[in-house]
Amino acid sequence: MSVPSESPGAERRQHPRVPVGGQVHATLPDQAQDVTILDLSRGGFLLESAEPFTVGSLHQFRVALKDGRWMTLLTARSMHGRSRPDNGRHLTGFAFVEPLGDDARARVHMLVEHVTSVVSY
């Protein structure tokens, strides 16, 4: 008996993505590069940057709401990347590093909740 294969581009995420609508600011404390988080979930996020990230590399991000009400540090691994032909910037998908631990899980949950409440108004 064969197992049906997934179609190309099939959704494999365990957590739904939330567009952040410009409400989240992120930096890499060890680099002078600001990045733009485009969407996030409890499992990870998609960002846009001027420089590409190496697939499989680990990075720590300082993530904050644009209004400054909330900030945290989160570690994530780059999972895939591509260049945008329209502006030469780079899109990279990141997954939060497992095991996250209770504190980091709570911070990710709070970030998603903050963004969801801001975007939904």
C-alpha atoms as a PDB file:
ATOM      1  CA  MET A   1       0.000   0.000   0.000  1.00  0.00           C
ATOM      2  CA  SER A   2       1.465   3.358  -0.966  1.00  0.00           C
ATOM      3  CA  VAL A   3       1.209   6.551   1.009  1.00  0.00           C
ATOM      4  CA  PRO A   4      -0.075   9.531  -0.981  1.00  0.00           C
ATOM      5  CA  SER A   5       2.624  12.100  -1.547  1.00  0.00           C
ATOM      6  CA  GLU A   6       2.182  15.763  -0.725  1.00  0.00           C
ATOM      7  CA  SER A   7       1.638  18.063  -3.644  1.00  0.00           C
ATOM      8  CA  PRO A   8       4.364  20.652  -4.211  1.00  0.00           C
ATOM      9  CA  GLY A   9       3.753  23.712  -2.081  1.00  0.00           C
ATOM     10  CA  ALA A  10       1.437  21.820   0.296  1.00  0.00           C
ATOM     11  CA  GLU A  11       1.077  23.467   3.686  1.00  0.00           C
ATOM     12  CA  ARG A  12       3.208  21.631   6.264  1.00  0.00           C
ATOM     13  CA  ARG A  13       3.115  24.159   9.071  1.00  0.00           C
ATOM     14  CA  GLN A  14       1.699  23.080  12.407  1.00  0.00           C
ATOM     15  CA  HIS A  15       0.804  26.652  13.375  1.00  0.00           C
ATOM     16  CA  PRO A  16      -1.061  29.243  11.287  1.00  0.00           C
ATOM     17  CA  ARG A  17       0.938  32.274  10.181  1.00  0.00           C
ATOM     18  CA  VAL A  18      -0.147  35.769  11.198  1.00  0.00           C
ATOM     19  CA  PRO A  19       0.807  38.765   9.024  1.00  0.00           C
ATOM     20  CA  VAL A  20       2.388  41.375  11.272  1.00  0.00           C
ATOM     21  CA  GLY A  21       1.422  44.436   9.238  1.00  0.00           C
ATOM     22  CA  GLY A  22       4.554  46.391  10.150  1.00  0.00           C
ATOM     23  CA  GLN A  23       3.849  46.117  13.896  1.00  0.00           C
ATOM     24  CA  VAL A  24       7.008  44.138  14.762  1.00  0.00           C
ATOM     25  CA  HIS A  25      10.609  45.360  14.650  1.00  0.00           C
ATOM     26  CA  ALA A  26      13.529  42.943  14.781  1.00  0.00           C
ATOM     27  CA  THR A  27      17.306  43.269  14.972  1.00  0.00           C
ATOM     28  CA  LEU A  28      20.182  40.865  15.311  1.00  0.00           C
ATOM     29  CA  PRO A  29      22.136  41.947  18.405  1.00  0.00           C
ATOM     30  CA  ASP A  30      25.395  40.520  17.011  1.00  0.00           C
ATOM     31  CA  GLN A  31      25.031  42.210  13.588  1.00  0.00           C
ATOM     32  CA  ALA A  32      24.254  45.695  12.339  1.00  0.00           C
ATOM     33  CA  GLN A  33      21.355  44.434  10.263  1.00  0.00           C
ATOM     34  CA  ASP A  34      17.717  45.346  10.789  1.00  0.00           C
ATOM     35  CA  VAL A  35      15.237  42.864   9.431  1.00  0.00           C
ATOM     36  CA  THR A  36      11.537  43.079   8.674  1.00  0.00           C
ATOM     37  CA  ILE A  37       9.323  40.311  10.006  1.00  0.00           C
ATOM     38  CA  LEU A  38       6.528  39.752   7.500  1.00  0.00           C
ATOM     39  CA  ASP A  39       4.573  37.050   9.309  1.00  0.00           C
ATOM     40  CA  LEU A  40       4.939  34.803  12.320  1.00  0.00           C
ATOM     41  CA  SER A  41       3.462  31.799  14.047  1.00  0.00           C
ATOM     42  CA  ARG A  42       4.129  29.901  17.227  1.00  0.00           C
ATOM     43  CA  GLY A  43       6.611  27.828  15.226  1.00  0.00           C
ATOM     44  CA  GLY A  44       8.597  30.518  13.435  1.00  0.00           C
ATOM     45  CA  PHE A  45       8.529  33.541  11.139  1.00  0.00           C
ATOM     46  CA  LEU A  46       9.310  34.879   7.671  1.00  0.00           C
ATOM     47  CA  LEU A  47      11.590  37.889   7.389  1.00  0.00           C
ATOM     48  CA  GLU A  48      12.951  40.190   4.733  1.00  0.00           C
ATOM     49  CA  SER A  49      16.535  41.441   4.884  1.00  0.00           C
ATOM     50  CA  ALA A  50      19.197  43.199   2.843  1.00  0.00           C
ATOM     51  CA  GLU A  51      21.633  40.301   3.287  1.00  0.00           C
ATOM     52  CA  PRO A  52      20.887  36.570   2.862  1.00  0.00           C
ATOM     53  CA  PHE A  53      21.036  34.099   5.756  1.00  0.00           C
ATOM     54  CA  THR A  54      22.740  30.726   5.412  1.00  0.00           C
ATOM     55  CA  VAL A  55      20.215  27.886   5.558  1.00  0.00           C
ATOM     56  CA  GLY A  56      20.648  25.973   8.812  1.00  0.00           C
ATOM     57  CA  SER A  57      22.310  28.835  10.689  1.00  0.00           C
ATOM     58  CA  LEU A  58      21.201  29.830  14.200  1.00  0.00           C
ATOM     59  CA  HIS A  59      20.517  33.443  15.092  1.00  0.00           C
ATOM     60  CA  GLN A  60      19.257  35.344  18.097  1.00  0.00           C
ATOM     61  CA  PHE A  61      16.751  38.103  17.348  1.00  0.00           C
ATOM     62  CA  ARG A  62      15.684  41.050  19.460  1.00  0.00           C
ATOM     63  CA  VAL A  63      11.973  41.294  18.632  1.00  0.00           C
ATOM     64  CA  ALA A  64       9.819  44.216  19.728  1.00  0.00           C
ATOM     65  CA  LEU A  65       6.479  45.771  18.965  1.00  0.00           C
ATOM     66  CA  LYS A  66       6.911  49.000  16.975  1.00  0.00           C
ATOM     67  CA  ASP A  67       5.292  51.031  19.763  1.00  0.00           C
ATOM     68  CA  GLY A  68       7.928  49.788  22.233  1.00  0.00           C
ATOM     69  CA  ARG A  69       5.419  48.201  24.627  1.00  0.00           C
ATOM     70  CA  TRP A  70       7.023  44.772  24.470  1.00  0.00           C
ATOM     71  CA  MET A  71      10.428  43.192  23.649  1.00  0.00           C
ATOM     72  CA  THR A  72      12.037  39.768  23.836  1.00  0.00           C
ATOM     73  CA  LEU A  73      15.034  37.782  22.585  1.00  0.00           C
ATOM     74  CA  LEU A  74      14.303  34.646  20.556  1.00  0.00           C
ATOM     75  CA  THR A  75      16.595  32.078  18.909  1.00  0.00           C
ATOM     76  CA  ALA A  76      15.681  30.603  15.536  1.00  0.00           C
ATOM     77  CA  ARG A  77      17.206  28.487  12.763  1.00  0.00           C
ATOM     78  CA  SER A  78      16.994  29.542   9.105  1.00  0.00           C
ATOM     79  CA  MET A  79      15.068  26.891   7.176  1.00  0.00           C
ATOM     80  CA  HIS A  80      14.813  28.256   3.625  1.00  0.00           C
ATOM     81  CA  GLY A  81      15.555  31.404   1.703  1.00  0.00           C
ATOM     82  CA  ARG A  82      15.140  33.106  -1.641  1.00  0.00           C
ATOM     83  CA  SER A  83      15.874  36.454  -3.255  1.00  0.00           C
ATOM     84  CA  ARG A  84      13.126  38.803  -4.330  1.00  0.00           C
ATOM     85  CA  PRO A  85      13.650  39.678  -7.995  1.00  0.00           C
ATOM     86  CA  ASP A  86      11.667  42.929  -7.672  1.00  0.00           C
ATOM     87  CA  ASN A  87      13.920  44.623  -5.111  1.00  0.00           C
ATOM     88  CA  GLY A  88      16.977  42.384  -4.574  1.00  0.00           C
ATOM     89  CA  ARG A  89      16.134  41.814  -0.887  1.00  0.00           C
ATOM     90  CA  HIS A  90      16.058  38.358   0.676  1.00  0.00           C
ATOM     91  CA  LEU A  91      13.217  36.349   2.233  1.00  0.00           C
ATOM     92  CA  THR A  92      14.132  33.767   4.865  1.00  0.00           C
ATOM     93  CA  GLY A  93      11.925  31.380   6.796  1.00  0.00           C
ATOM     94  CA  PHE A  94      12.985  30.721  10.393  1.00  0.00           C
ATOM     95  CA  ALA A  95      11.871  28.083  12.899  1.00  0.00           C
ATOM     96  CA  PHE A  96      12.143  28.716  16.615  1.00  0.00           C
ATOM     97  CA  VAL A  97      14.753  26.410  18.135  1.00  0.00           C
ATOM     98  CA  GLU A  98      13.404  23.398  20.006  1.00  0.00           C
ATOM     99  CA  PRO A  99      13.163  22.665  22.821  1.00  0.00           C
ATOM    100  CA  LEU A 100      11.953  26.149  23.554  1.00  0.00           C
ATOM    101  CA  GLY A 101      11.282  25.747  27.257  1.00  0.00           C
ATOM    102  CA  ASP A 102       8.326  27.214  29.109  1.00  0.00           C
ATOM    103  CA  ASP A 103       9.685  30.771  29.260  1.00  0.00           C
ATOM    104  CA  ALA A 104      10.452  31.008  25.531  1.00  0.00           C
ATOM    105  CA  ARG A 105       7.126  29.379  24.608  1.00  0.00           C
ATOM    106  CA  ALA A 106       5.338  31.976  26.729  1.00  0.00           C
ATOM    107  CA  ARG A 107       7.263  34.805  24.988  1.00  0.00           C
ATOM    108  CA  VAL A 108       6.384  33.450  21.520  1.00  0.00           C
ATOM    109  CA  HIS A 109       2.744  33.078  22.564  1.00  0.00           C
ATOM    110  CA  MET A 110       2.706  36.661  23.901  1.00  0.00           C
ATOM    111  CA  LEU A 111       4.264  37.969  20.674  1.00  0.00           C
ATOM    112  CA  VAL A 112       1.633  36.230  18.531  1.00  0.00           C
ATOM    113  CA  GLU A 113      -1.130  37.493  20.833  1.00  0.00           C
ATOM    114  CA  HIS A 114       0.184  41.086  20.731  1.00  0.00           C
ATOM    115  CA  VAL A 115       0.463  41.054  16.941  1.00  0.00           C
ATOM    116  CA  THR A 116      -2.939  39.436  16.502  1.00  0.00           C
ATOM    117  CA  SER A 117      -4.614  42.033  18.719  1.00  0.00           C
ATOM    118  CA  VAL A 118      -2.896  44.942  16.945  1.00  0.00           C
ATOM    119  CA  VAL A 119      -3.556  43.639  13.425  1.00  0.00           C
ATOM    120  CA  SER A 120      -7.192  42.766  14.089  1.00  0.00           C
ATOM    121  CA  TYR A 121      -8.196  46.337  15.060  1.00  0.00           C
END
